[in-house]
C-alpha cells in the first residue's frame, strides 16, 4: 500500500472482529508508533495492551469507576460498561508520559503521544487490520488511571480498538480544502 493512499483513505471502524494484530504485524505497528515526532528524544509514550482476559479486566475497571462515581448505578449500566471493552478483540491504551523539560512543554509531549496513537492506526491499516480511537470519560477518571498504574503527570490519550473490520467500510466525506486551509501568498 502506498503511503499517500493509506493517509488519504484511513478510516475509523467501530465494528471490529477477529483476527487482531499479533506477532510481527503488531511489532511493526509499535515500531511505527515509536517514530512519532519526539522533541529532545523524551519518548513520551507508553502502551498498555489488552486482549483475551485482559479485555474483561479492563471492562471491570470501567464498571468499578462508574460505581465509584455513582453508587446507585444499575446492573444493566454496569454490564454495558463491562462490554465496552469487548467491542474489539484488542485494545491498546496510549499514555503520554509527561516529563519536566526546559524546552519541551507538556502540550508537545501530549501531541507526540497523539501522533504515536495515530501511527498505530495507520500501521494497523497498512498491516490489513483496522481500528478506532476511543476516549470519553474513562480517559480522565481517577479510578481508571490508578488501575492502569498511571503516574500523576501521565495523560491517557485514548484507547485504540483494533481488529478486522466487520461489515463494509463507511464512506469518507469529501472535504473542501478551502474550509480548512488559509493561504498567505
Protein backbone atom coordinates (compact mmCIF):
# COMPACT_ATOMS: atom_id res chain seq x y z
CA UNK A 1 0.00 0.00 0.00
CA UNK A 2 1.36 3.41 -0.96
CA UNK A 3 1.79 5.80 1.97
CA UNK A 4 -0.30 8.56 0.38
CA UNK A 5 -3.17 6.14 -0.30
CA UNK A 6 -3.05 5.00 3.32
CA UNK A 7 -3.15 8.59 4.57
CA UNK A 8 -5.99 9.57 2.24
CA UNK A 9 -8.14 6.52 2.97
CA UNK A 10 -7.64 5.67 6.66
CA UNK A 11 -10.99 5.43 8.34
CA UNK A 12 -12.31 4.61 11.80
CA UNK A 13 -14.01 1.23 12.12
CA UNK A 14 -16.37 0.91 15.09
CA UNK A 15 -17.23 -2.75 14.38
CA UNK A 16 -14.19 -4.99 14.75
CA UNK A 17 -13.76 -8.73 14.96
CA UNK A 18 -11.06 -11.44 14.96
CA UNK A 19 -8.32 -11.69 13.90
CA UNK A 20 -6.41 -8.86 15.54
CA UNK A 21 -2.77 -7.87 15.11
CA UNK A 22 -0.27 -10.23 16.70
CA UNK A 23 3.34 -11.23 16.19
CA UNK A 24 5.33 -9.44 13.53
CA UNK A 25 2.48 -7.19 12.30
CA UNK A 26 1.87 -5.94 15.85
CA UNK A 27 5.58 -5.42 16.42
CA UNK A 28 5.77 -3.31 13.22
CA UNK A 29 2.79 -1.29 14.42
CA UNK A 30 4.55 -0.49 17.69
CA UNK A 31 7.75 0.35 15.81
CA UNK A 32 5.77 2.78 13.64
CA UNK A 33 4.29 4.38 16.77
CA UNK A 34 7.79 4.83 18.21
CA UNK A 35 8.64 7.01 15.18
CA UNK A 36 6.27 9.76 16.32
CA UNK A 37 7.79 13.24 16.45
CA UNK A 38 9.78 13.43 19.67
CA UNK A 39 11.48 16.74 20.54
CA UNK A 40 14.58 16.13 22.69
CA UNK A 41 14.17 12.34 22.43
CA UNK A 42 11.96 12.14 25.53
CA UNK A 43 9.99 9.14 24.24
CA UNK A 44 6.84 10.40 25.99
CA UNK A 45 4.68 7.36 25.28
CA UNK A 46 3.66 4.11 26.88
CA UNK A 47 1.28 1.47 25.56
CA UNK A 48 -0.89 -0.89 27.60
CA UNK A 49 -2.17 -3.82 25.56
CA UNK A 50 -5.42 -5.67 26.34
CA UNK A 51 -6.63 -8.88 24.68
CA UNK A 52 -8.20 -12.14 25.84
CA UNK A 53 -8.98 -11.98 29.56
CA UNK A 54 -7.31 -8.57 29.70
CA UNK A 55 -10.38 -7.14 27.95
CA UNK A 56 -12.63 -8.44 30.73
CA UNK A 57 -10.29 -6.91 33.31
CA UNK A 58 -10.47 -3.54 31.51
CA UNK A 59 -14.27 -3.77 31.38
CA UNK A 60 -14.34 -4.42 35.12
CA UNK A 61 -12.17 -1.33 35.68
CA UNK A 62 -14.74 0.72 33.73
CA UNK A 63 -17.61 -0.68 35.83
CA UNK A 64 -15.77 -0.04 39.10
CA UNK A 65 -15.03 3.51 38.00
CA UNK A 66 -18.73 4.15 37.34
CA UNK A 67 -19.71 2.66 40.70
CA UNK A 68 -17.25 4.96 42.43
CA UNK A 69 -18.77 7.94 40.62
CA UNK A 70 -22.34 6.85 41.33
CA UNK A 71 -23.01 4.01 43.78
CA UNK A 72 -26.63 3.80 42.58
CA UNK A 73 -25.65 2.79 39.01
CA UNK A 74 -27.86 -0.12 37.98
CA UNK A 75 -26.59 -3.54 36.94
CA UNK A 76 -27.60 -3.01 33.30
CA UNK A 77 -25.43 0.09 33.02
CA UNK A 78 -22.51 -1.66 34.74
CA UNK A 79 -22.78 -4.60 32.33
CA UNK A 80 -22.86 -2.18 29.40
CA UNK A 81 -19.61 -0.66 30.66
CA UNK A 82 -18.07 -4.11 31.03
CA UNK A 83 -19.00 -4.84 27.42
CA UNK A 84 -17.38 -1.60 26.18
CA UNK A 85 -14.07 -3.38 26.43
CA UNK A 86 -15.39 -6.27 24.31
CA UNK A 87 -16.09 -4.14 21.21
CA UNK A 88 -12.80 -5.27 19.66
CA UNK A 89 -10.51 -8.25 20.10
CA UNK A 90 -7.63 -5.96 21.12
CA UNK A 91 -7.37 -2.57 22.80
CA UNK A 92 -4.22 -0.54 23.26
CA UNK A 93 -4.27 2.29 25.79
CA UNK A 94 -1.94 5.08 24.72
CA UNK A 95 -0.39 7.01 27.60
CA UNK A 96 1.55 10.27 27.39
CA UNK A 97 4.44 10.05 29.86
CA UNK A 98 4.76 13.76 30.63
CA UNK A 99 8.18 14.82 31.91
CA UNK A 100 9.54 18.13 33.14
CA UNK A 101 11.80 19.59 30.46
CA UNK A 102 13.07 23.14 29.92
CA UNK A 103 12.48 23.09 26.15
CA UNK A 104 9.64 20.61 25.67
CA UNK A 105 6.32 21.65 27.25
CA UNK A 106 3.75 19.09 28.39
CA UNK A 107 1.50 20.03 25.47
CA UNK A 108 4.17 19.00 22.98
CA UNK A 109 4.69 15.67 24.74
CA UNK A 110 0.92 15.06 24.69
CA UNK A 111 0.85 15.79 20.96
CA UNK A 112 3.73 13.35 20.45
CA UNK A 113 1.73 10.61 22.17
CA UNK A 114 -1.25 11.54 19.99
CA UNK A 115 0.96 11.11 16.93
CA UNK A 116 2.02 7.70 18.25
CA UNK A 117 -1.66 6.73 18.58
CA UNK A 118 -2.34 7.87 15.02
CA UNK A 119 0.69 5.94 13.79
CA UNK A 120 -0.75 2.80 15.44
CA UNK A 121 -3.98 3.30 13.49
CA UNK A 122 -2.16 3.92 10.21
CA UNK A 123 0.12 0.93 10.71
CA UNK A 124 -2.87 -1.27 11.54
CA UNK A 125 -4.42 -0.33 8.18
CA UNK A 126 -1.10 -0.97 6.42
CA UNK A 127 -0.97 -4.43 8.02
CA UNK A 128 -4.50 -5.26 6.81
CA UNK A 129 -6.31 -4.56 10.09
CA UNK A 130 -8.48 -1.69 11.24
CA UNK A 131 -9.16 0.34 14.33
CA UNK A 132 -10.86 3.23 16.03
CA UNK A 133 -9.59 5.72 18.59
CA UNK A 134 -11.95 5.99 21.55
CA UNK A 135 -11.77 8.26 24.56
CA UNK A 136 -14.56 9.64 26.73
CA UNK A 137 -14.82 9.96 30.48
CA UNK A 138 -12.84 6.76 31.11
CA UNK A 139 -9.68 8.54 29.92
CA UNK A 140 -10.00 11.12 32.67
CA UNK A 141 -11.36 9.00 35.50
CA UNK A 142 -9.10 8.70 38.57
CA UNK A 143 -10.04 5.06 39.23
CA UNK A 144 -9.17 4.07 35.65
CA UNK A 145 -5.89 5.99 35.89
CA UNK A 146 -5.00 4.29 39.19
CA UNK A 147 -5.94 0.81 37.92
CA UNK A 148 -3.68 1.33 34.88
CA UNK A 149 -0.90 2.49 37.24
CA UNK A 150 -0.54 5.91 35.64
CA UNK A 151 1.69 8.47 37.30
CA UNK A 152 0.13 11.76 38.38
CA UNK A 153 1.79 13.53 35.42
CA UNK A 154 0.64 10.93 32.85
CA UNK A 155 -2.20 11.60 30.42
CA UNK A 156 -4.35 8.83 28.98
CA UNK A 157 -4.54 9.85 25.33
CA UNK A 158 -7.11 7.24 24.37
CA UNK A 159 -7.91 3.62 23.69
CA UNK A 160 -7.09 2.23 20.24
CA UNK A 161 -9.55 -0.58 19.46
CA UNK A 162 -8.07 -3.00 16.90
CA UNK A 163 -9.17 -5.97 14.83
CA UNK A 164 -10.55 -6.85 11.44
CA UNK A 165 -13.38 -4.68 10.11
CA UNK A 166 -16.81 -6.30 10.36
CA UNK A 167 -19.11 -5.21 7.56
CA UNK A 168 -18.34 -2.72 4.86
CA UNK A 169 -16.17 0.29 5.31
CA UNK A 170 -18.09 3.51 5.81
CA UNK A 171 -17.72 6.11 3.07
CA UNK A 172 -15.41 9.03 3.73
CA UNK A 173 -16.79 12.53 3.18
CA UNK A 174 -15.14 14.68 0.57
CA UNK A 175 -13.84 17.75 2.40
CA UNK A 176 -13.27 21.10 0.71
CA UNK A 177 -9.71 22.26 1.36
CA UNK A 178 -10.76 25.91 1.38
CA UNK A 179 -12.80 25.22 4.52
CA UNK A 180 -9.61 24.32 6.40
CA UNK A 181 -6.67 25.97 4.66
CA UNK A 182 -5.84 29.65 4.87
CA UNK A 183 -3.18 30.74 2.39
CA UNK A 184 -0.97 33.78 2.78
CA UNK A 185 0.69 34.43 -0.56
